[in-house]
C-alpha atoms as a PDB file:
ATOM      1  CA  MET A   1       0.043  -0.092  -0.188  1.00  0.00           C
ATOM      2  CA  PRO A   2       1.461   3.444  -0.707  1.00  0.00           C
ATOM      3  CA  ILE A   3       2.228   5.949   1.663  1.00  0.00           C
ATOM      4  CA  ALA A   4       0.464   9.157   1.594  1.00  0.00           C
ATOM      5  CA  VAL A   5       4.051  12.147   1.718  1.00  0.00           C
ATOM      6  CA  LYS A   6       7.197  10.575   0.999  1.00  0.00           C
ATOM      7  CA  SER A   7       9.118  12.004   4.266  1.00  0.00           C
ATOM      8  CA  SER A   8       8.531  12.154   7.630  1.00  0.00           C
ATOM      9  CA  LEU A   9      10.250  15.566   7.593  1.00  0.00           C
ATOM     10  CA  ASP A  10       7.429  16.857   4.816  1.00  0.00           C
ATOM     11  CA  VAL A  11       4.886  16.104   8.230  1.00  0.00           C
ATOM     12  CA  ALA A  12       6.866  17.878  10.528  1.00  0.00           C
ATOM     13  CA  PHE A  13       7.336  20.611   8.586  1.00  0.00           C
ATOM     14  CA  TRP A  14       3.468  20.957   8.127  1.00  0.00           C
ATOM     15  CA  ILE A  15       3.221  20.683  11.437  1.00  0.00           C
ATOM     16  CA  SER A  16       5.741  23.552  12.657  1.00  0.00           C
ATOM     17  CA  ASP A  17       4.220  25.878  10.093  1.00  0.00           C
ATOM     18  CA  GLN A  18       0.469  25.033  11.580  1.00  0.00           C
ATOM     19  CA  ALA A  19       2.420  26.109  15.226  1.00  0.00           C
ATOM     20  CA  LEU A  20       3.564  29.186  13.680  1.00  0.00           C
ATOM     21  CA  ASN A  21       0.944  30.294  12.381  1.00  0.00           C
ATOM     22  CA  ASP A  22      -0.839  29.634  15.429  1.00  0.00           C
ATOM     23  CA  ARG A  23       1.819  31.726  17.198  1.00  0.00           C
ATOM     24  CA  GLU A  24       3.159  29.008  19.122  1.00  0.00           C
ATOM     25  CA  TYR A  25       6.436  27.286  19.587  1.00  0.00           C
ATOM     26  CA  ILE A  26       6.368  23.515  19.224  1.00  0.00           C
ATOM     27  CA  GLN A  27       8.427  21.400  21.892  1.00  0.00           C
ATOM     28  CA  PRO A  28      10.435  18.979  20.035  1.00  0.00           C
ATOM     29  CA  GLN A  29       8.417  16.389  22.381  1.00  0.00           C
ATOM     30  CA  LYS A  30       4.953  17.699  21.248  1.00  0.00           C
ATOM     31  CA  MET A  31       6.338  17.453  17.531  1.00  0.00           C
ATOM     32  CA  HIS A  32       7.244  13.560  18.423  1.00  0.00           C
ATOM     33  CA  ARG A  33       3.594  12.845  19.663  1.00  0.00           C
ATOM     34  CA  LEU A  34       1.798  14.593  16.898  1.00  0.00           C
ATOM     35  CA  LEU A  35       3.441  12.723  14.242  1.00  0.00           C
ATOM     36  CA  TYR A  36       3.202   9.485  16.641  1.00  0.00           C
ATOM     37  CA  LEU A  37      -0.731  10.365  16.458  1.00  0.00           C
ATOM     38  CA  ALA A  38      -0.763  11.204  12.893  1.00  0.00           C
ATOM     39  CA  GLN A  39       0.628   8.030  12.013  1.00  0.00           C
ATOM     40  CA  ALA A  40      -1.489   5.888  13.877  1.00  0.00           C
ATOM     41  CA  TYR A  41      -5.000   8.053  13.404  1.00  0.00           C
ATOM     42  CA  PHE A  42      -4.246   7.939   9.349  1.00  0.00           C
ATOM     43  CA  ALA A  43      -3.887   4.135   9.285  1.00  0.00           C
ATOM     44  CA  VAL A  44      -7.049   3.994  11.283  1.00  0.00           C
ATOM     45  CA  ALA A  45      -8.743   6.811   9.409  1.00  0.00           C
ATOM     46  CA  TYR A  46      -7.599   4.575   5.602  1.00  0.00           C
ATOM     47  CA  ASN A  47      -7.495   0.572   6.307  1.00  0.00           C
ATOM     48  CA  GLY A  48      -3.971   0.458   7.682  1.00  0.00           C
ATOM     49  CA  ARG A  49      -2.342   2.935   5.380  1.00  0.00           C
ATOM     50  CA  LYS A  50       0.872   4.931   6.340  1.00  0.00           C
ATOM     51  CA  LEU A  51       1.288   8.227   6.480  1.00  0.00           C
ATOM     52  CA  MET A  52       4.438   8.158   6.076  1.00  0.00           C
ATOM     53  CA  PRO A  53       7.843   6.517   5.759  1.00  0.00           C
ATOM     54  CA  ALA A  54       8.336   6.888   9.997  1.00  0.00           C
ATOM     55  CA  THR A  55       9.535   3.963  12.454  1.00  0.00           C
ATOM     56  CA  PHE A  56       9.073   4.896  15.878  1.00  0.00           C
ATOM     57  CA  VAL A  57      11.303   3.763  18.966  1.00  0.00           C
ATOM     58  CA  THR A  58      11.196   4.619  22.533  1.00  0.00           C
ATOM     59  CA  ASP A  59      12.794   7.594  24.300  1.00  0.00           C
ATOM     60  CA  ALA A  60      12.609   8.013  28.180  1.00  0.00           C
ATOM     61  CA  PHE A  61       9.693  10.028  27.983  1.00  0.00           C
ATOM     62  CA  GLY A  62       7.751   8.175  24.730  1.00  0.00           C
ATOM     63  CA  PRO A  63       7.732   8.105  20.930  1.00  0.00           C
ATOM     64  CA  VAL A  64      10.247   9.557  18.777  1.00  0.00           C
ATOM     65  CA  GLU A  65      10.796   9.058  15.290  1.00  0.00           C
ATOM     66  CA  PRO A  66      14.697   8.946  14.759  1.00  0.00           C
ATOM     67  CA  THR A  67      14.976  10.794  11.236  1.00  0.00           C
ATOM     68  CA  VAL A  68      12.739  14.040  12.355  1.00  0.00           C
ATOM     69  CA  PHE A  69      15.219  14.200  15.848  1.00  0.00           C
ATOM     70  CA  HIS A  70      18.368  14.064  13.894  1.00  0.00           C
ATOM     71  CA  ALA A  71      17.467  16.584  11.379  1.00  0.00           C
ATOM     72  CA  LEU A  72      15.866  18.847  13.445  1.00  0.00           C
ATOM     73  CA  ALA A  73      18.329  18.188  16.511  1.00  0.00           C
ATOM     74  CA  TYR A  74      19.531  21.868  16.419  1.00  0.00           C
ATOM     75  CA  GLY A  75      16.351  23.489  15.043  1.00  0.00           C
ATOM     76  CA  ARG A  76      14.892  23.558  11.638  1.00  0.00           C
ATOM     77  CA  PRO A  77      17.605  23.782   9.040  1.00  0.00           C
ATOM     78  CA  ALA A  78      17.197  26.669   6.016  1.00  0.00           C
ATOM     79  CA  MET A  79      18.226  24.516   3.491  1.00  0.00           C
ATOM     80  CA  LEU A  80      15.378  22.170   4.164  1.00  0.00           C
ATOM     81  CA  GLU A  81      12.063  22.946   3.240  1.00  0.00           C
ATOM     82  CA  GLY A  82       8.924  20.945   3.207  1.00  0.00           C
ATOM     83  CA  GLY A  83       7.430  19.065   0.122  1.00  0.00           C
ATOM     84  CA  MET A  84       3.820  19.818  -0.706  1.00  0.00           C
ATOM     85  CA  VAL A  85       1.093  17.465   0.863  1.00  0.00           C
ATOM     86  CA  SER A  86      -1.979  16.868  -0.628  1.00  0.00           C
ATOM     87  CA  ASP A  87      -5.660  18.349   0.414  1.00  0.00           C
ATOM     88  CA  GLN A  88      -6.330  14.958   2.281  1.00  0.00           C
ATOM     89  CA  VAL A  89      -3.366  14.785   4.189  1.00  0.00           C
ATOM     90  CA  SER A  90      -3.533  18.490   4.950  1.00  0.00           C
ATOM     91  CA  HIS A  91      -7.368  18.181   6.255  1.00  0.00           C
ATOM     92  CA  PHE A  92      -6.361  15.085   7.832  1.00  0.00           C
ATOM     93  CA  LEU A  93      -3.323  16.567   9.641  1.00  0.00           C
ATOM     94  CA  ASP A  94      -5.775  19.436  10.119  1.00  0.00           C
ATOM     95  CA  GLY A  95      -7.585  17.537  12.133  1.00  0.00           C
ATOM     96  CA  ILE A  96      -4.780  16.397  14.430  1.00  0.00           C
ATOM     97  CA  TRP A  97      -3.640  19.759  15.176  1.00  0.00           C
ATOM     98  CA  ARG A  98      -7.044  20.756  15.835  1.00  0.00           C
ATOM     99  CA  ARG A  99      -7.898  17.796  18.258  1.00  0.00           C
ATOM    100  CA  TYR A 100      -4.071  17.709  19.500  1.00  0.00           C
ATOM    101  CA  GLY A 101      -2.562  20.994  19.604  1.00  0.00           C
ATOM    102  CA  PRO A 102      -4.064  22.405  22.538  1.00  0.00           C
ATOM    103  CA  TYR A 103      -2.430  20.013  24.543  1.00  0.00           C
ATOM    104  CA  THR A 104       0.830  20.626  26.203  1.00  0.00           C
ATOM    105  CA  ALA A 105       4.186  18.424  25.716  1.00  0.00           C
ATOM    106  CA  ASP A 106       3.354  17.170  29.214  1.00  0.00           C
ATOM    107  CA  GLN A 107      -0.411  16.170  28.553  1.00  0.00           C
ATOM    108  CA  LEU A 108       0.700  14.548  25.224  1.00  0.00           C
ATOM    109  CA  THR A 109       3.417  12.248  26.965  1.00  0.00           C
ATOM    110  CA  LYS A 110       0.665  11.353  29.896  1.00  0.00           C
ATOM    111  CA  LYS A 111      -2.010  10.576  27.722  1.00  0.00           C
ATOM    112  CA  LEU A 112       0.467   8.263  25.069  1.00  0.00           C
ATOM    113  CA  ALA A 113       2.177   6.272  27.925  1.00  0.00           C
ATOM    114  CA  GLU A 114      -0.887   4.561  29.013  1.00  0.00           C
ATOM    115  CA  HIS A 115      -1.319   3.551  25.317  1.00  0.00           C
ATOM    116  CA  ALA A 116      -0.712   0.063  24.928  1.00  0.00           C
ATOM    117  CA  PRO A 117       1.638  -0.011  22.134  1.00  0.00           C
ATOM    118  CA  ILE A 118       3.602   2.595  23.831  1.00  0.00           C
ATOM    119  CA  ALA A 119       3.614   1.405  27.082  1.00  0.00           C
ATOM    120  CA  MET A 120       4.922  -2.303  25.863  1.00  0.00           C
ATOM    121  CA  ALA A 121       7.635  -0.976  23.889  1.00  0.00           C
ATOM    122  CA  MET A 122       8.674   1.293  26.940  1.00  0.00           C
ATOM    123  CA  ALA A 123       8.806  -1.405  29.465  1.00  0.00           C
ATOM    124  CA  LYS A 124      11.692  -3.217  27.376  1.00  0.00           C
ATOM    125  CA  GLY A 125      13.826  -0.026  27.425  1.00  0.00           C
ATOM    126  CA  ILE A 126      15.228   3.210  25.291  1.00  0.00           C
ATOM    127  CA  ASN A 127      15.042   2.735  21.808  1.00  0.00           C
ATOM    128  CA  GLU A 128      12.972  -0.135  21.454  1.00  0.00           C
ATOM    129  CA  GLU A 129      10.549   0.105  17.896  1.00  0.00           C
ATOM    130  CA  ILE A 130       7.341   0.726  18.453  1.00  0.00           C
ATOM    131  CA  PRO A 131       5.459  -1.640  15.527  1.00  0.00           C
ATOM    132  CA  PHE A 132       3.684  -0.295  13.222  1.00  0.00           C
ATOM    133  CA  ALA A 133       0.892  -3.416  13.358  1.00  0.00           C
ATOM    134  CA  ASP A 134       0.918  -2.852  17.110  1.00  0.00           C
ATOM    135  CA  MET A 135      -0.193   0.796  16.304  1.00  0.00           C
ATOM    136  CA  VAL A 136      -2.428   0.099  13.844  1.00  0.00           C
ATOM    137  CA  ALA A 137      -4.364  -2.890  16.075  1.00  0.00           C
ATOM    138  CA  TYR A 138      -4.342  -0.756  18.869  1.00  0.00           C
ATOM    139  CA  TYR A 139      -5.734   2.013  17.473  1.00  0.00           C
ATOM    140  CA  LEU A 140      -8.515   0.123  15.572  1.00  0.00           C
ATOM    141  CA  GLU A 141      -9.784  -2.011  18.096  1.00  0.00           C
ATOM    142  CA  GLU A 142      -9.791   0.878  20.633  1.00  0.00           C
ATOM    143  CA  ALA A 143     -11.194   3.337  18.467  1.00  0.00           C
ATOM    144  CA  ALA A 144     -14.047   0.720  17.903  1.00  0.00           C
ATOM    145  CA  ALA A 145     -14.547   0.113  21.767  1.00  0.00           C
ATOM    146  CA  ARG A 146     -14.502   4.001  22.853  1.00  0.00           C
ATOM    147  CA  LYS A 147     -17.921   3.634  24.067  1.00  0.00           C
ATOM    148  CA  SER A 148     -16.583   3.331  26.839  1.00  0.00           C
ATOM    149  CA  ALA A 149     -15.568   5.692  29.168  1.00  0.00           C
ATOM    150  CA  ALA A 150     -12.239   3.711  30.468  1.00  0.00           C
ATOM    151  CA  SER A 151     -10.593   4.378  26.953  1.00  0.00           C
ATOM    152  CA  SER A 152      -8.476   7.017  26.078  1.00  0.00           C
ATOM    153  CA  VAL A 153      -8.248   6.887  22.747  1.00  0.00           C
ATOM    154  CA  ASP A 154     -10.186   8.612  20.888  1.00  0.00           C
ATOM    155  CA  HIS A 155     -12.578   7.893  18.064  1.00  0.00           C
ATOM    156  CA  ILE A 156     -11.340   8.583  14.298  1.00  0.00           C
ATOM    157  CA  ASP A 157     -14.514  10.921  14.160  1.00  0.00           C
ATOM    158  CA  GLN A 158     -13.003  13.011  17.055  1.00  0.00           C
ATOM    159  CA  VAL A 159     -10.389  13.487  15.023  1.00  0.00           C
ATOM    160  CA  VAL A 160     -10.957  13.823  11.557  1.00  0.00           C
ATOM    161  CA  LYS A 161     -13.757  16.008  11.070  1.00  0.00           C
ATOM    162  CA  PRO A 162     -15.818  15.146   7.326  1.00  0.00           C
ATOM    163  CA  ARG A 163     -14.782  17.453   4.524  1.00  0.00           C
ATOM    164  CA  MET A 164     -17.372  20.204   3.788  1.00  0.00           C
ATOM    165  CA  LEU A 165     -18.141  21.213   0.371  1.00  0.00           C
ATOM    166  CA  ARG A 166     -21.253  22.924  -1.500  1.00  0.00           C
ATOM    167  CA  SER A 167     -23.861  20.884  -4.198  1.00  0.00           C
ATOM    168  CA  GLN A 168     -24.216  22.832  -7.136  1.00  0.00           C
ATOM    169  CA  THR A 169     -27.791  24.097  -5.624  1.00  0.00           C
ATOM    170  CA  GLY A 170     -25.568  25.374  -2.477  1.00  0.00           C
ATOM    171  CA  LYS A 171     -26.315  22.835  -0.123  1.00  0.00           C
ATOM    172  CA  ALA A 172     -23.742  21.526   2.516  1.00  0.00           C
ATOM    173  CA  VAL A 173     -22.730  17.646   1.715  1.00  0.00           C
ATOM    174  CA  THR A 174     -20.121  16.448   3.406  1.00  0.00           C
ATOM    175  CA  VAL A 175     -17.697  13.983   1.308  1.00  0.00           C
ATOM    176  CA  SER A 176     -15.167  11.451   1.423  1.00  0.00           C
ATOM    177  CA  THR A 177     -12.504   9.332  -0.400  1.00  0.00           C
ATOM    178  CA  TRP A 178     -13.881   6.820  -2.140  1.00  0.00           C
ATOM    179  CA  LYS A 179     -12.948   3.529  -1.072  1.00  0.00           C
ATOM    180  CA  PRO A 180     -14.260   0.669  -2.931  1.00  0.00           C
ATOM    181  CA  LYS A 181     -14.969  -2.678  -1.660  1.00  0.00           C
ATOM    182  CA  ALA A 182     -12.944  -5.737  -2.236  1.00  0.00           C
ATOM    183  CA  ALA A 183     -14.813  -7.910  -5.139  1.00  0.00           C
ATOM    184  CA  PRO A 184     -15.934 -11.158  -3.818  1.00  0.00           C
ATOM    185  CA  ALA A 185     -13.860 -14.005  -4.484  1.00  0.00           C
ATOM    186  CA  LYS A 186     -15.041 -15.988  -7.400  1.00  0.00           C
ATOM    187  CA  LYS A 187     -15.824 -19.868  -6.579  1.00  0.00           C
ATOM    188  CA  ASP A 188     -14.485 -22.396  -9.101  1.00  0.00           C
ATOM    189  CA  GLU A 189     -17.101 -24.029 -10.853  1.00  0.00           C
END
């Protein structure tokens, strides 16, 4: 399945630019938590598809994406510019930003520490990889079971709002990407 964005740096720059537009300094820890949430929720919203080619590992506090960590260790390099992201990805990231942008780095770290894929990797130690398959399975399961108040995972509808457009008559309508169903398997006759 193809990834939606060619580089995790493109997503990091989108988040950084959004923070600047909102007159906010984004701490590196907060950036990494938002990247993690974006990857996890994108997989939930788009049937296991990866948002970006990213691997998340544990540090002392939570998940980090090592490539972004090293590339931005001393701030945003002047020679690096983010690539364009599609309207679909921009809409999705806007939902992540609206839902989790108001949280502080500490609040996001505390919230994510309760999530099983991170907790299991943290229990193994620093620099332990958080498997993408574990992220997808956990967020799909928890988002579906969100009806219980005990879950700390938001349902996908709380994160990504449907796109609103106008019909030819001016009526507001919600739109989504077409997701065809799999063709039924043919029986041998």
